[in-house]
């Protein structure tokens, strides 16, 4: 998927312990994804690089223990954390409500 972001599905897949191949874009390079989860394989969106990334992903597919160890763990995991009282009050204040 060539996009400014890999999409939520990709993050959910990495959180579930799946290997995810995605493209690099702007500041979302290999390092950006590597610090989030080793289950991300970020690459340049060329046929050659995508083929290598898919080959790497396929080779790691049966490493269930490693995939679970490196599952993406988001800092925020609930709607209560995302939309905390302070966040909602600040938002309402900014929009004049």
C-alpha atoms as a PDB file:
ATOM      1  CA  UNK A   1       0.000   0.000   0.000  1.00  0.00           C
ATOM      2  CA  UNK A   2       1.717   3.191  -1.133  1.00  0.00           C
ATOM      3  CA  UNK A   3       0.400   5.805   1.251  1.00  0.00           C
ATOM      4  CA  UNK A   4       1.509   8.334   3.848  1.00  0.00           C
ATOM      5  CA  UNK A   5       0.549   5.750   6.475  1.00  0.00           C
ATOM      6  CA  UNK A   6       0.176   1.979   6.414  1.00  0.00           C
ATOM      7  CA  UNK A   7      -3.450   2.056   7.534  1.00  0.00           C
ATOM      8  CA  UNK A   8      -4.980   0.810  10.743  1.00  0.00           C
ATOM      9  CA  UNK A   9      -5.324  -2.747   9.473  1.00  0.00           C
ATOM     10  CA  UNK A  10      -1.548  -3.050   9.244  1.00  0.00           C
ATOM     11  CA  UNK A  11      -1.110  -1.949  12.857  1.00  0.00           C
ATOM     12  CA  UNK A  12      -3.827  -4.382  13.959  1.00  0.00           C
ATOM     13  CA  UNK A  13      -2.127  -7.183  12.046  1.00  0.00           C
ATOM     14  CA  UNK A  14       1.236  -6.411  13.694  1.00  0.00           C
ATOM     15  CA  UNK A  15      -0.499  -6.284  17.098  1.00  0.00           C
ATOM     16  CA  UNK A  16      -1.947  -9.740  16.408  1.00  0.00           C
ATOM     17  CA  UNK A  17       1.562 -11.078  15.818  1.00  0.00           C
ATOM     18  CA  UNK A  18       1.404 -11.126  12.033  1.00  0.00           C
ATOM     19  CA  UNK A  19       4.302 -10.152   9.787  1.00  0.00           C
ATOM     20  CA  UNK A  20       3.403  -6.966   7.897  1.00  0.00           C
ATOM     21  CA  UNK A  21       5.060  -5.675   4.726  1.00  0.00           C
ATOM     22  CA  UNK A  22       4.491  -1.963   4.180  1.00  0.00           C
ATOM     23  CA  UNK A  23       6.098   0.841   2.230  1.00  0.00           C
ATOM     24  CA  UNK A  24       8.364   3.560   3.540  1.00  0.00           C
ATOM     25  CA  UNK A  25       6.955   7.053   3.079  1.00  0.00           C
ATOM     26  CA  UNK A  26       8.375  10.385   4.225  1.00  0.00           C
ATOM     27  CA  UNK A  27       9.393  10.069   7.895  1.00  0.00           C
ATOM     28  CA  UNK A  28       7.816   6.625   8.200  1.00  0.00           C
ATOM     29  CA  UNK A  29      10.947   4.751   7.250  1.00  0.00           C
ATOM     30  CA  UNK A  30      12.443   1.440   8.386  1.00  0.00           C
ATOM     31  CA  UNK A  31      13.496   2.915  11.727  1.00  0.00           C
ATOM     32  CA  UNK A  32      10.035   4.388  12.383  1.00  0.00           C
ATOM     33  CA  UNK A  33       8.442   0.963  12.034  1.00  0.00           C
ATOM     34  CA  UNK A  34      11.280  -0.978  13.697  1.00  0.00           C
ATOM     35  CA  UNK A  35      10.856   0.858  17.002  1.00  0.00           C
ATOM     36  CA  UNK A  36       7.143   0.038  16.983  1.00  0.00           C
ATOM     37  CA  UNK A  37       7.411  -3.650  16.144  1.00  0.00           C
ATOM     38  CA  UNK A  38       9.866  -6.038  14.538  1.00  0.00           C
ATOM     39  CA  UNK A  39       6.829  -7.550  12.814  1.00  0.00           C
ATOM     40  CA  UNK A  40       6.801  -4.616  10.390  1.00  0.00           C
ATOM     41  CA  UNK A  41       8.949  -5.010   7.303  1.00  0.00           C
ATOM     42  CA  UNK A  42       9.159  -1.555   5.755  1.00  0.00           C
ATOM     43  CA  UNK A  43      10.600  -1.188   2.282  1.00  0.00           C
ATOM     44  CA  UNK A  44      10.764   1.078  -0.710  1.00  0.00           C
ATOM     45  CA  UNK A  45       7.781   0.593  -3.033  1.00  0.00           C
ATOM     46  CA  UNK A  46       9.678  -0.995  -5.912  1.00  0.00           C
ATOM     47  CA  UNK A  47       9.055  -4.431  -7.372  1.00  0.00           C
ATOM     48  CA  UNK A  48      12.525  -5.624  -6.367  1.00  0.00           C
ATOM     49  CA  UNK A  49      12.359  -4.321  -2.781  1.00  0.00           C
ATOM     50  CA  UNK A  50       8.787  -5.520  -2.255  1.00  0.00           C
ATOM     51  CA  UNK A  51       9.740  -8.989  -3.513  1.00  0.00           C
ATOM     52  CA  UNK A  52      12.646  -9.119  -1.044  1.00  0.00           C
ATOM     53  CA  UNK A  53      10.412  -7.923   1.803  1.00  0.00           C
ATOM     54  CA  UNK A  54       7.771 -10.545   0.981  1.00  0.00           C
ATOM     55  CA  UNK A  55      10.480 -13.227   0.881  1.00  0.00           C
ATOM     56  CA  UNK A  56      11.737 -12.075   4.300  1.00  0.00           C
ATOM     57  CA  UNK A  57       8.200 -12.087   5.674  1.00  0.00           C
ATOM     58  CA  UNK A  58       7.502 -15.573   4.339  1.00  0.00           C
ATOM     59  CA  UNK A  59      10.714 -16.856   5.935  1.00  0.00           C
ATOM     60  CA  UNK A  60       9.605 -15.470   9.309  1.00  0.00           C
ATOM     61  CA  UNK A  61       5.988 -16.651   9.083  1.00  0.00           C
ATOM     62  CA  UNK A  62       6.520 -19.881  11.029  1.00  0.00           C
ATOM     63  CA  UNK A  63       8.374 -18.183  13.910  1.00  0.00           C
ATOM     64  CA  UNK A  64       5.251 -17.984  16.057  1.00  0.00           C
ATOM     65  CA  UNK A  65       7.159 -17.297  19.275  1.00  0.00           C
ATOM     66  CA  UNK A  66       9.123 -14.430  17.709  1.00  0.00           C
ATOM     67  CA  UNK A  67       6.031 -12.980  16.071  1.00  0.00           C
ATOM     68  CA  UNK A  68       4.179 -12.879  19.392  1.00  0.00           C
ATOM     69  CA  UNK A  69       7.214 -11.493  21.257  1.00  0.00           C
ATOM     70  CA  UNK A  70       7.494  -8.669  18.740  1.00  0.00           C
ATOM     71  CA  UNK A  71       3.781  -7.931  18.401  1.00  0.00           C
ATOM     72  CA  UNK A  72       3.004  -4.222  18.133  1.00  0.00           C
ATOM     73  CA  UNK A  73       1.927  -2.881  21.516  1.00  0.00           C
ATOM     74  CA  UNK A  74       0.303   0.537  21.174  1.00  0.00           C
ATOM     75  CA  UNK A  75       0.785   2.986  24.039  1.00  0.00           C
ATOM     76  CA  UNK A  76      -2.961   3.636  24.199  1.00  0.00           C
ATOM     77  CA  UNK A  77      -5.274   0.638  24.192  1.00  0.00           C
ATOM     78  CA  UNK A  78      -8.764   1.847  25.096  1.00  0.00           C
ATOM     79  CA  UNK A  79     -11.240   4.524  24.059  1.00  0.00           C
ATOM     80  CA  UNK A  80     -11.191   5.801  27.635  1.00  0.00           C
ATOM     81  CA  UNK A  81      -7.487   6.555  27.227  1.00  0.00           C
ATOM     82  CA  UNK A  82      -7.885   8.077  23.767  1.00  0.00           C
ATOM     83  CA  UNK A  83     -10.832  10.271  24.718  1.00  0.00           C
ATOM     84  CA  UNK A  84      -9.891  11.073  28.307  1.00  0.00           C
ATOM     85  CA  UNK A  85     -11.861  13.726  30.172  1.00  0.00           C
ATOM     86  CA  UNK A  86      -9.002  16.219  29.828  1.00  0.00           C
ATOM     87  CA  UNK A  87      -8.773  15.602  26.071  1.00  0.00           C
ATOM     88  CA  UNK A  88     -12.516  16.037  25.513  1.00  0.00           C
ATOM     89  CA  UNK A  89     -12.704  19.162  27.699  1.00  0.00           C
ATOM     90  CA  UNK A  90      -9.717  20.685  25.883  1.00  0.00           C
ATOM     91  CA  UNK A  91     -11.261  19.907  22.500  1.00  0.00           C
ATOM     92  CA  UNK A  92     -14.608  21.409  23.468  1.00  0.00           C
ATOM     93  CA  UNK A  93     -12.844  24.521  24.746  1.00  0.00           C
ATOM     94  CA  UNK A  94     -10.910  24.890  21.466  1.00  0.00           C
ATOM     95  CA  UNK A  95     -14.065  24.709  19.370  1.00  0.00           C
ATOM     96  CA  UNK A  96     -15.915  27.083  21.660  1.00  0.00           C
ATOM     97  CA  UNK A  97     -18.387  24.763  23.332  1.00  0.00           C
END
